[in-house]
Amino acid sequence: KTVSVRMPEIPLTYTYHERYYDEDDGQWYDEEHTFTQKLAPGVTGMDQKDPLFEVPLADTSVLQDNGKTYFDNWYDKNSEAIKKAYENRAREIAKIAFGDNPYTMHIADTALDDLKSRIYQQNSVDLPDSGTSGQINVKTSAYYPTLLADYFNGLTRLLEQTDGYSRLPREALGKYTGNVIPSRGVVLQRDYIPPVDRAAFLQVRRTVGNRLGLAAWYLRSVGGDSYTFRTAAGMRTEEREFSHLANVVGIGAKYQLGRNASVSFDYGQNRTDFGRYMNGHTRYDHTAGGGLCYSRQKQRRYAAFLGAAL
């Protein structure tokens, strides 16, 4: 079993020619194009790992002095092969892009400068700040240097294989760690619609003839009420805080069929984020410097909220 050394990406410029026919003058023209691609070695072909950039799990020297000595010795021994791997990777990409058509490629003279220290920095010093790279296989993991995290995760997978791929705590460790048994399942929960403490209510009514009555009404919560909604999301608890619970616009109608019979209709919408969330609409949030995320959808009706509010 091995873990991969992550190599710094370098920019490489490709130049190629394209022939096209101009229908206006009936001539063929040759046009030069360029594009720049960032690349790093580590794989050959589409997804085959290059053995040069694989560290055996059995080689614990990569963990000593934070890997500095290991990477210095590894680079000094393989520097020419490493630079050649960049060139080979560039040609593999060109083969995919151009096929048998002619092209030229250019790597800046400074692109490979200080490559030894950059490799060490990227694998053993820098901490990722997003995604799963640099995290270990434990709940709410912090970020670690990528090679250290990959090495730990590789050992974890190896141990799981020797125990029938079980992720449960080992019985022999129970007296030290306690017999904590994580499990996956379905979480059943009942959504709670909080009552509105104070609200302003306005209603306008009008009759049409002797039988039909129409109404329009508006309800808005006041007093700065807020509510935090908690739901199970995978292996964590997702929290949504709503600072305003009710902003409801409604209409209604009532038709008198006879002295003791009538038909009525009411419809209203809660236009707050909380109302949309409880009714199954997707609610988007964005944090500066982060990605776009959305809440889980709920299957609820506004009527349920209106009943609690009124």
C-alpha atoms as a PDB file:
ATOM      1  CA  LYS A   1       0.000   0.000   0.000  1.00  0.00           C
ATOM      2  CA  THR A   2       1.217   3.493  -0.823  1.00  0.00           C
ATOM      3  CA  VAL A   3       0.328   7.169  -0.520  1.00  0.00           C
ATOM      4  CA  SER A   4       0.911   9.693  -3.283  1.00  0.00           C
ATOM      5  CA  VAL A   5       3.289  12.646  -3.234  1.00  0.00           C
ATOM      6  CA  ARG A   6       1.376  15.707  -4.431  1.00  0.00           C
ATOM      7  CA  MET A   7       3.441  17.627  -6.947  1.00  0.00           C
ATOM      8  CA  PRO A   8       3.327  21.397  -7.590  1.00  0.00           C
ATOM      9  CA  GLU A   9       1.549  22.439 -10.771  1.00  0.00           C
ATOM     10  CA  ILE A  10       3.533  24.398 -13.352  1.00  0.00           C
ATOM     11  CA  PRO A  11       2.201  26.391 -16.335  1.00  0.00           C
ATOM     12  CA  LEU A  12       2.990  25.100 -19.805  1.00  0.00           C
ATOM     13  CA  THR A  13       2.165  26.854 -23.096  1.00  0.00           C
ATOM     14  CA  TYR A  14       1.125  24.912 -26.200  1.00  0.00           C
ATOM     15  CA  THR A  15       1.314  26.392 -29.694  1.00  0.00           C
ATOM     16  CA  TYR A  16      -0.499  24.844 -32.641  1.00  0.00           C
ATOM     17  CA  HIS A  17      -1.668  25.805 -36.128  1.00  0.00           C
ATOM     18  CA  GLU A  18      -5.142  25.581 -37.568  1.00  0.00           C
ATOM     19  CA  ARG A  19      -6.071  25.789 -41.237  1.00  0.00           C
ATOM     20  CA  TYR A  20      -9.360  27.304 -42.288  1.00  0.00           C
ATOM     21  CA  TYR A  21     -11.054  28.131 -45.583  1.00  0.00           C
ATOM     22  CA  ASP A  22     -12.326  31.638 -46.326  1.00  0.00           C
ATOM     23  CA  GLU A  23     -15.386  31.380 -48.550  1.00  0.00           C
ATOM     24  CA  ASP A  24     -15.187  35.073 -49.486  1.00  0.00           C
ATOM     25  CA  ASP A  25     -11.863  34.886 -51.318  1.00  0.00           C
ATOM     26  CA  GLY A  26     -11.650  31.122 -51.781  1.00  0.00           C
ATOM     27  CA  GLN A  27      -8.288  30.876 -50.025  1.00  0.00           C
ATOM     28  CA  TRP A  28      -6.905  28.610 -47.312  1.00  0.00           C
ATOM     29  CA  TYR A  29      -5.221  30.291 -44.352  1.00  0.00           C
ATOM     30  CA  ASP A  30      -2.965  29.050 -41.585  1.00  0.00           C
ATOM     31  CA  GLU A  31      -3.615  30.525 -38.135  1.00  0.00           C
ATOM     32  CA  GLU A  32      -1.476  30.116 -35.014  1.00  0.00           C
ATOM     33  CA  HIS A  33      -3.095  29.546 -31.609  1.00  0.00           C
ATOM     34  CA  THR A  34      -1.715  29.189 -28.092  1.00  0.00           C
ATOM     35  CA  PHE A  35      -3.148  28.097 -24.757  1.00  0.00           C
ATOM     36  CA  THR A  36      -1.662  27.592 -21.311  1.00  0.00           C
ATOM     37  CA  GLN A  37      -2.284  24.506 -19.180  1.00  0.00           C
ATOM     38  CA  LYS A  38      -1.252  23.875 -15.572  1.00  0.00           C
ATOM     39  CA  LEU A  39      -0.031  20.341 -14.982  1.00  0.00           C
ATOM     40  CA  ALA A  40       1.696  18.120 -12.456  1.00  0.00           C
ATOM     41  CA  PRO A  41       3.035  14.565 -12.745  1.00  0.00           C
ATOM     42  CA  GLY A  42       1.865  11.686 -10.607  1.00  0.00           C
ATOM     43  CA  VAL A  43      -0.246   9.703 -13.035  1.00  0.00           C
ATOM     44  CA  THR A  44       0.417   8.157 -16.418  1.00  0.00           C
ATOM     45  CA  GLY A  45      -2.241   7.763 -19.044  1.00  0.00           C
ATOM     46  CA  MET A  46      -5.696   8.539 -17.686  1.00  0.00           C
ATOM     47  CA  ASP A  47      -5.472   7.327 -14.096  1.00  0.00           C
ATOM     48  CA  GLN A  48      -2.483   5.034 -13.588  1.00  0.00           C
ATOM     49  CA  LYS A  49      -0.321   6.062 -10.617  1.00  0.00           C
ATOM     50  CA  ASP A  50       3.333   6.703 -11.394  1.00  0.00           C
ATOM     51  CA  PRO A  51       5.443   4.572  -8.975  1.00  0.00           C
ATOM     52  CA  LEU A  52       8.018   7.376  -8.759  1.00  0.00           C
ATOM     53  CA  PHE A  53       5.566   9.478  -6.746  1.00  0.00           C
ATOM     54  CA  GLU A  54       4.279   6.738  -4.438  1.00  0.00           C
ATOM     55  CA  VAL A  55       5.478   6.375  -0.831  1.00  0.00           C
ATOM     56  CA  PRO A  56       5.065   2.903   0.746  1.00  0.00           C
ATOM     57  CA  LEU A  57       3.171   2.859   4.031  1.00  0.00           C
ATOM     58  CA  ALA A  58       5.937   0.640   5.364  1.00  0.00           C
ATOM     59  CA  ASP A  59       8.446   3.496   4.933  1.00  0.00           C
ATOM     60  CA  THR A  60       8.048   5.423   8.198  1.00  0.00           C
ATOM     61  CA  SER A  61      11.000   7.717   7.434  1.00  0.00           C
ATOM     62  CA  VAL A  62       8.542  10.073   5.750  1.00  0.00           C
ATOM     63  CA  LEU A  63       7.171  10.860   9.232  1.00  0.00           C
ATOM     64  CA  GLN A  64      10.522  11.823  10.748  1.00  0.00           C
ATOM     65  CA  ASP A  65      11.314  15.560  11.171  1.00  0.00           C
ATOM     66  CA  ASN A  66       8.042  16.306   9.364  1.00  0.00           C
ATOM     67  CA  GLY A  67       9.312  14.625   6.193  1.00  0.00           C
ATOM     68  CA  LYS A  68      12.045  17.196   5.481  1.00  0.00           C
ATOM     69  CA  THR A  69      14.927  14.707   5.292  1.00  0.00           C
ATOM     70  CA  TYR A  70      12.837  12.227   3.308  1.00  0.00           C
ATOM     71  CA  PHE A  71      11.892  14.755   0.620  1.00  0.00           C
ATOM     72  CA  ASP A  72      15.422  16.175   0.395  1.00  0.00           C
ATOM     73  CA  ASN A  73      16.892  12.707  -0.179  1.00  0.00           C
ATOM     74  CA  TRP A  74      14.072  11.663  -2.512  1.00  0.00           C
ATOM     75  CA  TYR A  75      14.467  14.743  -4.697  1.00  0.00           C
ATOM     76  CA  ASP A  76      18.276  14.596  -4.818  1.00  0.00           C
ATOM     77  CA  LYS A  77      18.079  10.966  -5.935  1.00  0.00           C
ATOM     78  CA  ASN A  78      15.302  11.432  -8.509  1.00  0.00           C
ATOM     79  CA  SER A  79      15.589  15.067  -9.655  1.00  0.00           C
ATOM     80  CA  GLU A  80      16.172  14.234 -13.320  1.00  0.00           C
ATOM     81  CA  ALA A  81      13.379  11.647 -13.354  1.00  0.00           C
ATOM     82  CA  ILE A  82      11.022  14.149 -11.695  1.00  0.00           C
ATOM     83  CA  LYS A  83      11.714  16.821 -14.323  1.00  0.00           C
ATOM     84  CA  LYS A  84      11.323  14.205 -17.058  1.00  0.00           C
ATOM     85  CA  ALA A  85       7.958  13.235 -15.550  1.00  0.00           C
ATOM     86  CA  TYR A  86       6.744  16.811 -16.031  1.00  0.00           C
ATOM     87  CA  GLU A  87       7.740  16.654 -19.693  1.00  0.00           C
ATOM     88  CA  ASN A  88       6.117  13.244 -20.192  1.00  0.00           C
ATOM     89  CA  ARG A  89       2.897  14.445 -18.589  1.00  0.00           C
ATOM     90  CA  ALA A  90       2.914  17.465 -20.901  1.00  0.00           C
ATOM     91  CA  ARG A  91       3.245  15.209 -23.939  1.00  0.00           C
ATOM     92  CA  GLU A  92       0.434  12.943 -22.731  1.00  0.00           C
ATOM     93  CA  ILE A  93      -1.889  15.940 -22.482  1.00  0.00           C
ATOM     94  CA  ALA A  94      -0.789  17.121 -25.930  1.00  0.00           C
ATOM     95  CA  LYS A  95      -1.514  13.672 -27.363  1.00  0.00           C
ATOM     96  CA  ILE A  96      -5.065  13.902 -26.034  1.00  0.00           C
ATOM     97  CA  ALA A  97      -5.540  17.483 -27.259  1.00  0.00           C
ATOM     98  CA  PHE A  98      -3.858  17.365 -30.682  1.00  0.00           C
ATOM     99  CA  GLY A  99      -3.644  13.704 -31.651  1.00  0.00           C
ATOM    100  CA  ASP A 100      -1.128  13.415 -34.495  1.00  0.00           C
ATOM    101  CA  ASN A 101      -1.332  17.109 -35.444  1.00  0.00           C
ATOM    102  CA  PRO A 102       1.853  19.185 -35.041  1.00  0.00           C
ATOM    103  CA  TYR A 103       2.377  21.360 -31.972  1.00  0.00           C
ATOM    104  CA  THR A 104       5.107  22.889 -29.845  1.00  0.00           C
ATOM    105  CA  MET A 105       5.233  23.288 -26.079  1.00  0.00           C
ATOM    106  CA  HIS A 106       7.152  25.676 -23.881  1.00  0.00           C
ATOM    107  CA  ILE A 107       7.914  25.549 -20.159  1.00  0.00           C
ATOM    108  CA  ALA A 108       9.202  28.780 -18.629  1.00  0.00           C
ATOM    109  CA  ASP A 109      12.818  28.646 -17.480  1.00  0.00           C
ATOM    110  CA  THR A 110      11.776  29.506 -13.916  1.00  0.00           C
ATOM    111  CA  ALA A 111       8.837  27.058 -13.720  1.00  0.00           C
ATOM    112  CA  LEU A 112      10.908  24.374 -11.993  1.00  0.00           C
ATOM    113  CA  ASP A 113      12.951  26.686  -9.781  1.00  0.00           C
ATOM    114  CA  ASP A 114      13.099  25.767  -6.096  1.00  0.00           C
ATOM    115  CA  LEU A 115      11.100  22.614  -6.864  1.00  0.00           C
ATOM    116  CA  LYS A 116      12.551  20.671  -3.917  1.00  0.00           C
ATOM    117  CA  SER A 117      11.318  23.114  -1.274  1.00  0.00           C
ATOM    118  CA  ARG A 118       7.947  23.537  -3.037  1.00  0.00           C
ATOM    119  CA  ILE A 119       7.357  19.772  -2.910  1.00  0.00           C
ATOM    120  CA  TYR A 120       8.146  19.702   0.814  1.00  0.00           C
ATOM    121  CA  GLN A 121       5.991  22.778   1.464  1.00  0.00           C
ATOM    122  CA  GLN A 122       2.972  21.390  -0.394  1.00  0.00           C
ATOM    123  CA  ASN A 123       3.068  17.944   1.221  1.00  0.00           C
ATOM    124  CA  SER A 124       4.336  18.508   4.759  1.00  0.00           C
ATOM    125  CA  VAL A 125       3.706  22.151   5.693  1.00  0.00           C
ATOM    126  CA  ASP A 126       0.716  23.748   3.964  1.00  0.00           C
ATOM    127  CA  LEU A 127      -2.754  23.143   5.410  1.00  0.00           C
ATOM    128  CA  PRO A 128      -5.732  22.918   3.039  1.00  0.00           C
ATOM    129  CA  ASP A 129      -8.696  25.108   3.959  1.00  0.00           C
ATOM    130  CA  SER A 130     -11.568  23.427   2.097  1.00  0.00           C
ATOM    131  CA  GLY A 131     -12.700  20.072   0.743  1.00  0.00           C
ATOM    132  CA  THR A 132     -11.642  16.706   2.146  1.00  0.00           C
ATOM    133  CA  SER A 133      -7.951  16.893   1.217  1.00  0.00           C
ATOM    134  CA  GLY A 134      -5.918  17.134   4.410  1.00  0.00           C
ATOM    135  CA  GLN A 135      -8.644  15.657   6.624  1.00  0.00           C
ATOM    136  CA  ILE A 136      -8.360  12.329   8.437  1.00  0.00           C
ATOM    137  CA  ASN A 137     -11.139   9.746   8.669  1.00  0.00           C
ATOM    138  CA  VAL A 138     -12.627  10.910  11.945  1.00  0.00           C
ATOM    139  CA  LYS A 139     -15.719  12.980  12.596  1.00  0.00           C
ATOM    140  CA  THR A 140     -15.229  16.785  12.403  1.00  0.00           C
ATOM    141  CA  SER A 141     -11.573  16.369  11.465  1.00  0.00           C
ATOM    142  CA  ALA A 142      -9.309  19.402  11.444  1.00  0.00           C
ATOM    143  CA  TYR A 143      -6.949  20.008   8.508  1.00  0.00           C
ATOM    144  CA  TYR A 144      -3.426  18.568   8.458  1.00  0.00           C
ATOM    145  CA  PRO A 145      -0.585  18.541   5.911  1.00  0.00           C
ATOM    146  CA  THR A 146      -1.788  16.401   3.020  1.00  0.00           C
ATOM    147  CA  LEU A 147       0.883  13.697   3.172  1.00  0.00           C
ATOM    148  CA  LEU A 148       0.373  13.216   6.920  1.00  0.00           C
ATOM    149  CA  ALA A 149      -3.406  12.938   6.482  1.00  0.00           C
ATOM    150  CA  ASP A 150      -3.054  10.561   3.513  1.00  0.00           C
ATOM    151  CA  TYR A 151      -0.603   8.393   5.465  1.00  0.00           C
ATOM    152  CA  PHE A 152      -2.963   8.188   8.461  1.00  0.00           C
ATOM    153  CA  ASN A 153      -5.957   7.381   6.237  1.00  0.00           C
ATOM    154  CA  GLY A 154      -3.949   4.731   4.400  1.00  0.00           C
ATOM    155  CA  LEU A 155      -3.055   3.010   7.677  1.00  0.00           C
ATOM    156  CA  THR A 156      -6.700   3.213   8.775  1.00  0.00           C
ATOM    157  CA  ARG A 157      -7.902   1.518   5.589  1.00  0.00           C
ATOM    158  CA  LEU A 158      -5.226  -1.151   5.955  1.00  0.00           C
ATOM    159  CA  LEU A 159      -6.326  -1.915   9.526  1.00  0.00           C
ATOM    160  CA  GLU A 160      -9.980  -2.039   8.467  1.00  0.00           C
ATOM    161  CA  GLN A 161      -9.116  -4.613   5.803  1.00  0.00           C
ATOM    162  CA  THR A 162      -7.494  -6.856   8.410  1.00  0.00           C
ATOM    163  CA  ASP A 163     -10.692  -6.658  10.499  1.00  0.00           C
ATOM    164  CA  GLY A 164     -13.185  -7.538   7.771  1.00  0.00           C
ATOM    165  CA  TYR A 165     -13.550  -3.880   6.689  1.00  0.00           C
ATOM    166  CA  SER A 166     -15.237  -3.104   9.997  1.00  0.00           C
ATOM    167  CA  ARG A 167     -15.163   0.498  11.215  1.00  0.00           C
ATOM    168  CA  LEU A 168     -16.246  -0.464  14.711  1.00  0.00           C
ATOM    169  CA  PRO A 169     -13.829  -0.085  17.641  1.00  0.00           C
ATOM    170  CA  ARG A 170     -11.650  -3.135  18.157  1.00  0.00           C
ATOM    171  CA  GLU A 171     -12.745  -5.293  21.050  1.00  0.00           C
ATOM    172  CA  ALA A 172      -9.259  -5.414  22.551  1.00  0.00           C
ATOM    173  CA  LEU A 173      -9.214  -1.614  22.860  1.00  0.00           C
ATOM    174  CA  GLY A 174     -12.549  -1.444  24.653  1.00  0.00           C
ATOM    175  CA  LYS A 175     -11.072  -1.182  28.140  1.00  0.00           C
ATOM    176  CA  TYR A 176      -9.068   1.864  27.007  1.00  0.00           C
ATOM    177  CA  THR A 177     -11.492   3.668  24.693  1.00  0.00           C
ATOM    178  CA  GLY A 178     -14.868   2.361  25.839  1.00  0.00           C
ATOM    179  CA  ASN A 179     -17.116   0.302  23.612  1.00  0.00           C
ATOM    180  CA  VAL A 180     -18.494   3.134  21.508  1.00  0.00           C
ATOM    181  CA  ILE A 181     -20.303   1.707  18.502  1.00  0.00           C
ATOM    182  CA  PRO A 182     -21.126   4.188  15.719  1.00  0.00           C
ATOM    183  CA  SER A 183     -24.038   3.223  13.507  1.00  0.00           C
ATOM    184  CA  ARG A 184     -25.934   4.532  10.528  1.00  0.00           C
ATOM    185  CA  GLY A 185     -29.707   4.591  10.268  1.00  0.00           C
ATOM    186  CA  VAL A 186     -32.826   6.632   9.621  1.00  0.00           C
ATOM    187  CA  VAL A 187     -33.575   9.560  11.924  1.00  0.00           C
ATOM    188  CA  LEU A 188     -37.278  10.123  12.559  1.00  0.00           C
ATOM    189  CA  GLN A 189     -38.163  13.574  13.769  1.00  0.00           C
ATOM    190  CA  ARG A 190     -41.211  15.788  14.156  1.00  0.00           C
ATOM    191  CA  ASP A 191     -40.922  19.360  13.011  1.00  0.00           C
ATOM    192  CA  TYR A 192     -42.040  21.919  15.573  1.00  0.00           C
ATOM    193  CA  ILE A 193     -43.749  25.116  14.445  1.00  0.00           C
ATOM    194  CA  PRO A 194     -43.082  27.752  17.119  1.00  0.00           C
ATOM    195  CA  PRO A 195     -45.962  30.029  18.172  1.00  0.00           C
ATOM    196  CA  VAL A 196     -45.807  33.744  17.464  1.00  0.00           C
ATOM    197  CA  ASP A 197     -45.694  35.703  20.732  1.00  0.00           C
ATOM    198  CA  ARG A 198     -46.923  38.991  19.309  1.00  0.00           C
ATOM    199  CA  ALA A 199     -48.307  39.930  15.912  1.00  0.00           C
ATOM    200  CA  ALA A 200     -50.071  42.738  14.054  1.00  0.00           C
ATOM    201  CA  PHE A 201     -53.188  41.690  12.151  1.00  0.00           C
ATOM    202  CA  LEU A 202     -55.156  43.670   9.552  1.00  0.00           C
ATOM    203  CA  GLN A 203     -58.256  42.460   7.717  1.00  0.00           C
ATOM    204  CA  VAL A 204     -60.475  44.048   5.065  1.00  0.00           C
ATOM    205  CA  ARG A 205     -63.902  42.563   4.290  1.00  0.00           C
ATOM    206  CA  ARG A 206     -66.403  43.251   1.555  1.00  0.00           C
ATOM    207  CA  THR A 207     -69.721  41.719   0.540  1.00  0.00           C
ATOM    208  CA  VAL A 208     -70.910  41.183  -3.004  1.00  0.00           C
ATOM    209  CA  GLY A 209     -74.662  40.840  -3.050  1.00  0.00           C
ATOM    210  CA  ASN A 210     -76.390  38.942  -0.264  1.00  0.00           C
ATOM    211  CA  ARG A 211     -74.451  35.676  -0.498  1.00  0.00           C
ATOM    212  CA  LEU A 212     -70.771  36.300  -1.311  1.00  0.00           C
ATOM    213  CA  GLY A 213     -68.258  37.734   1.125  1.00  0.00           C
ATOM    214  CA  LEU A 214     -64.616  38.535   0.316  1.00  0.00           C
ATOM    215  CA  ALA A 215     -61.719  39.229   2.660  1.00  0.00           C
ATOM    216  CA  ALA A 216     -58.049  40.163   2.453  1.00  0.00           C
ATOM    217  CA  TRP A 217     -55.809  40.033   5.482  1.00  0.00           C
ATOM    218  CA  TYR A 218     -52.230  40.559   6.606  1.00  0.00           C
ATOM    219  CA  LEU A 219     -50.367  39.195   9.642  1.00  0.00           C
ATOM    220  CA  ARG A 220     -46.843  40.119  10.714  1.00  0.00           C
ATOM    221  CA  SER A 221     -44.980  38.957  13.801  1.00  0.00           C
ATOM    222  CA  VAL A 222     -43.441  41.716  15.910  1.00  0.00           C
ATOM    223  CA  GLY A 223     -41.128  41.855  18.899  1.00  0.00           C
ATOM    224  CA  GLY A 224     -37.923  40.421  17.397  1.00  0.00           C
ATOM    225  CA  ASP A 225     -38.888  36.749  17.786  1.00  0.00           C
ATOM    226  CA  SER A 226     -36.396  34.224  16.440  1.00  0.00           C
ATOM    227  CA  TYR A 227     -36.138  30.450  16.185  1.00  0.00           C
ATOM    228  CA  THR A 228     -33.327  27.958  15.571  1.00  0.00           C
ATOM    229  CA  PHE A 229     -34.317  24.909  13.535  1.00  0.00           C
ATOM    230  CA  ARG A 230     -32.134  21.800  13.939  1.00  0.00           C
ATOM    231  CA  THR A 231     -32.152  18.836  11.559  1.00  0.00           C
ATOM    232  CA  ALA A 232     -30.039  15.712  11.123  1.00  0.00           C
ATOM    233  CA  ALA A 233     -27.748  16.028   8.092  1.00  0.00           C
ATOM    234  CA  GLY A 234     -25.649  12.904   7.555  1.00  0.00           C
ATOM    235  CA  MET A 235     -23.335  12.527  10.543  1.00  0.00           C
ATOM    236  CA  ARG A 236     -23.877  16.049  11.865  1.00  0.00           C
ATOM    237  CA  THR A 237     -26.613  18.401  13.031  1.00  0.00           C
ATOM    238  CA  GLU A 238     -27.560  21.224  10.701  1.00  0.00           C
ATOM    239  CA  GLU A 239     -28.745  24.466  12.287  1.00  0.00           C
ATOM    240  CA  ARG A 240     -30.833  27.189  10.648  1.00  0.00           C
ATOM    241  CA  GLU A 241     -31.617  30.363  12.538  1.00  0.00           C
ATOM    242  CA  PHE A 242     -34.593  32.479  11.487  1.00  0.00           C
ATOM    243  CA  SER A 243     -34.951  35.982  12.896  1.00  0.00           C
ATOM    244  CA  HIS A 244     -38.478  36.616  11.610  1.00  0.00           C
ATOM    245  CA  LEU A 245     -41.255  34.024  11.762  1.00  0.00           C
ATOM    246  CA  ALA A 246     -44.371  35.475  10.124  1.00  0.00           C
ATOM    247  CA  ASN A 247     -45.091  37.839   7.260  1.00  0.00           C
ATOM    248  CA  VAL A 248     -48.357  36.430   5.940  1.00  0.00           C
ATOM    249  CA  VAL A 249     -50.623  37.746   3.178  1.00  0.00           C
ATOM    250  CA  GLY A 250     -53.969  35.999   2.713  1.00  0.00           C
ATOM    251  CA  ILE A 251     -57.279  36.149   0.882  1.00  0.00           C
ATOM    252  CA  GLY A 252     -60.593  34.493   1.655  1.00  0.00           C
ATOM    253  CA  ALA A 253     -64.103  34.072   0.333  1.00  0.00           C
ATOM    254  CA  LYS A 254     -67.370  32.778   1.760  1.00  0.00           C
ATOM    255  CA  TYR A 255     -70.515  31.907  -0.173  1.00  0.00           C
ATOM    256  CA  GLN A 256     -73.809  31.399   1.640  1.00  0.00           C
ATOM    257  CA  LEU A 257     -75.712  28.479   0.117  1.00  0.00           C
ATOM    258  CA  GLY A 258     -78.661  28.693   2.444  1.00  0.00           C
ATOM    259  CA  ARG A 259     -79.652  29.612   5.968  1.00  0.00           C
ATOM    260  CA  ASN A 260     -77.589  26.767   7.513  1.00  0.00           C
ATOM    261  CA  ALA A 261     -74.996  26.007   4.803  1.00  0.00           C
ATOM    262  CA  SER A 262     -72.032  27.901   3.384  1.00  0.00           C
ATOM    263  CA  VAL A 263     -68.778  27.269   1.521  1.00  0.00           C
ATOM    264  CA  SER A 264     -65.595  29.158   2.443  1.00  0.00           C
ATOM    265  CA  PHE A 265     -62.075  29.364   1.087  1.00  0.00           C
ATOM    266  CA  ASP A 266     -58.879  30.841   2.565  1.00  0.00           C
ATOM    267  CA  TYR A 267     -55.385  31.011   1.119  1.00  0.00           C
ATOM    268  CA  GLY A 268     -52.277  32.595   2.587  1.00  0.00           C
ATOM    269  CA  GLN A 269     -48.529  32.594   2.163  1.00  0.00           C
ATOM    270  CA  ASN A 270     -45.853  33.212   4.750  1.00  0.00           C
ATOM    271  CA  ARG A 271     -43.266  35.221   2.829  1.00  0.00           C
ATOM    272  CA  THR A 272     -40.453  34.876   5.372  1.00  0.00           C
ATOM    273  CA  ASP A 273     -37.425  32.597   4.948  1.00  0.00           C
ATOM    274  CA  PHE A 274     -38.844  30.410   7.706  1.00  0.00           C
ATOM    275  CA  GLY A 275     -42.124  29.966   5.850  1.00  0.00           C
ATOM    276  CA  ARG A 276     -40.373  29.085   2.612  1.00  0.00           C
ATOM    277  CA  TYR A 277     -38.082  26.636   4.407  1.00  0.00           C
ATOM    278  CA  MET A 278     -40.957  24.794   6.092  1.00  0.00           C
ATOM    279  CA  ASN A 279     -42.923  24.616   2.856  1.00  0.00           C
ATOM    280  CA  GLY A 280     -40.216  22.768   0.944  1.00  0.00           C
ATOM    281  CA  HIS A 281     -38.658  25.642  -0.991  1.00  0.00           C
ATOM    282  CA  THR A 282     -34.895  25.619  -1.329  1.00  0.00           C
ATOM    283  CA  ARG A 283     -33.295  28.332   0.799  1.00  0.00           C
ATOM    284  CA  TYR A 284     -29.832  29.449  -0.342  1.00  0.00           C
ATOM    285  CA  ASP A 285     -27.126  30.846   1.900  1.00  0.00           C
ATOM    286  CA  HIS A 286     -23.700  32.136   0.991  1.00  0.00           C
ATOM    287  CA  THR A 287     -20.757  32.754   3.284  1.00  0.00           C
ATOM    288  CA  ALA A 288     -17.992  35.093   2.161  1.00  0.00           C
ATOM    289  CA  GLY A 289     -15.061  33.039   0.918  1.00  0.00           C
ATOM    290  CA  GLY A 290     -17.113  29.842   0.871  1.00  0.00           C
ATOM    291  CA  GLY A 291     -19.203  27.869  -1.599  1.00  0.00           C
ATOM    292  CA  LEU A 292     -22.904  27.963  -2.301  1.00  0.00           C
ATOM    293  CA  CYS A 293     -24.935  25.711  -0.046  1.00  0.00           C
ATOM    294  CA  TYR A 294     -28.607  24.954   0.300  1.00  0.00           C
ATOM    295  CA  SER A 295     -30.817  23.561   2.989  1.00  0.00           C
ATOM    296  CA  ARG A 296     -32.657  20.275   2.913  1.00  0.00           C
ATOM    297  CA  GLN A 297     -36.180  20.617   1.549  1.00  0.00           C
ATOM    298  CA  LYS A 298     -39.172  20.203   3.833  1.00  0.00           C
ATOM    299  CA  GLN A 299     -42.592  18.867   2.910  1.00  0.00           C
ATOM    300  CA  ARG A 300     -44.893  21.163   4.831  1.00  0.00           C
ATOM    301  CA  ARG A 301     -47.860  23.448   4.107  1.00  0.00           C
ATOM    302  CA  TYR A 302     -48.177  27.068   5.070  1.00  0.00           C
ATOM    303  CA  ALA A 303     -51.524  26.218   6.603  1.00  0.00           C
ATOM    304  CA  ALA A 304     -49.722  24.335   9.386  1.00  0.00           C
ATOM    305  CA  PHE A 305     -47.749  27.447  10.210  1.00  0.00           C
ATOM    306  CA  LEU A 306     -50.766  29.717   9.961  1.00  0.00           C
ATOM    307  CA  GLY A 307     -52.679  27.543  12.388  1.00  0.00           C
ATOM    308  CA  ALA A 308     -49.872  27.805  14.928  1.00  0.00           C
ATOM    309  CA  ALA A 309     -49.499  31.538  14.328  1.00  0.00           C
ATOM    310  CA  LEU A 310     -53.167  32.329  14.801  1.00  0.00           C
END
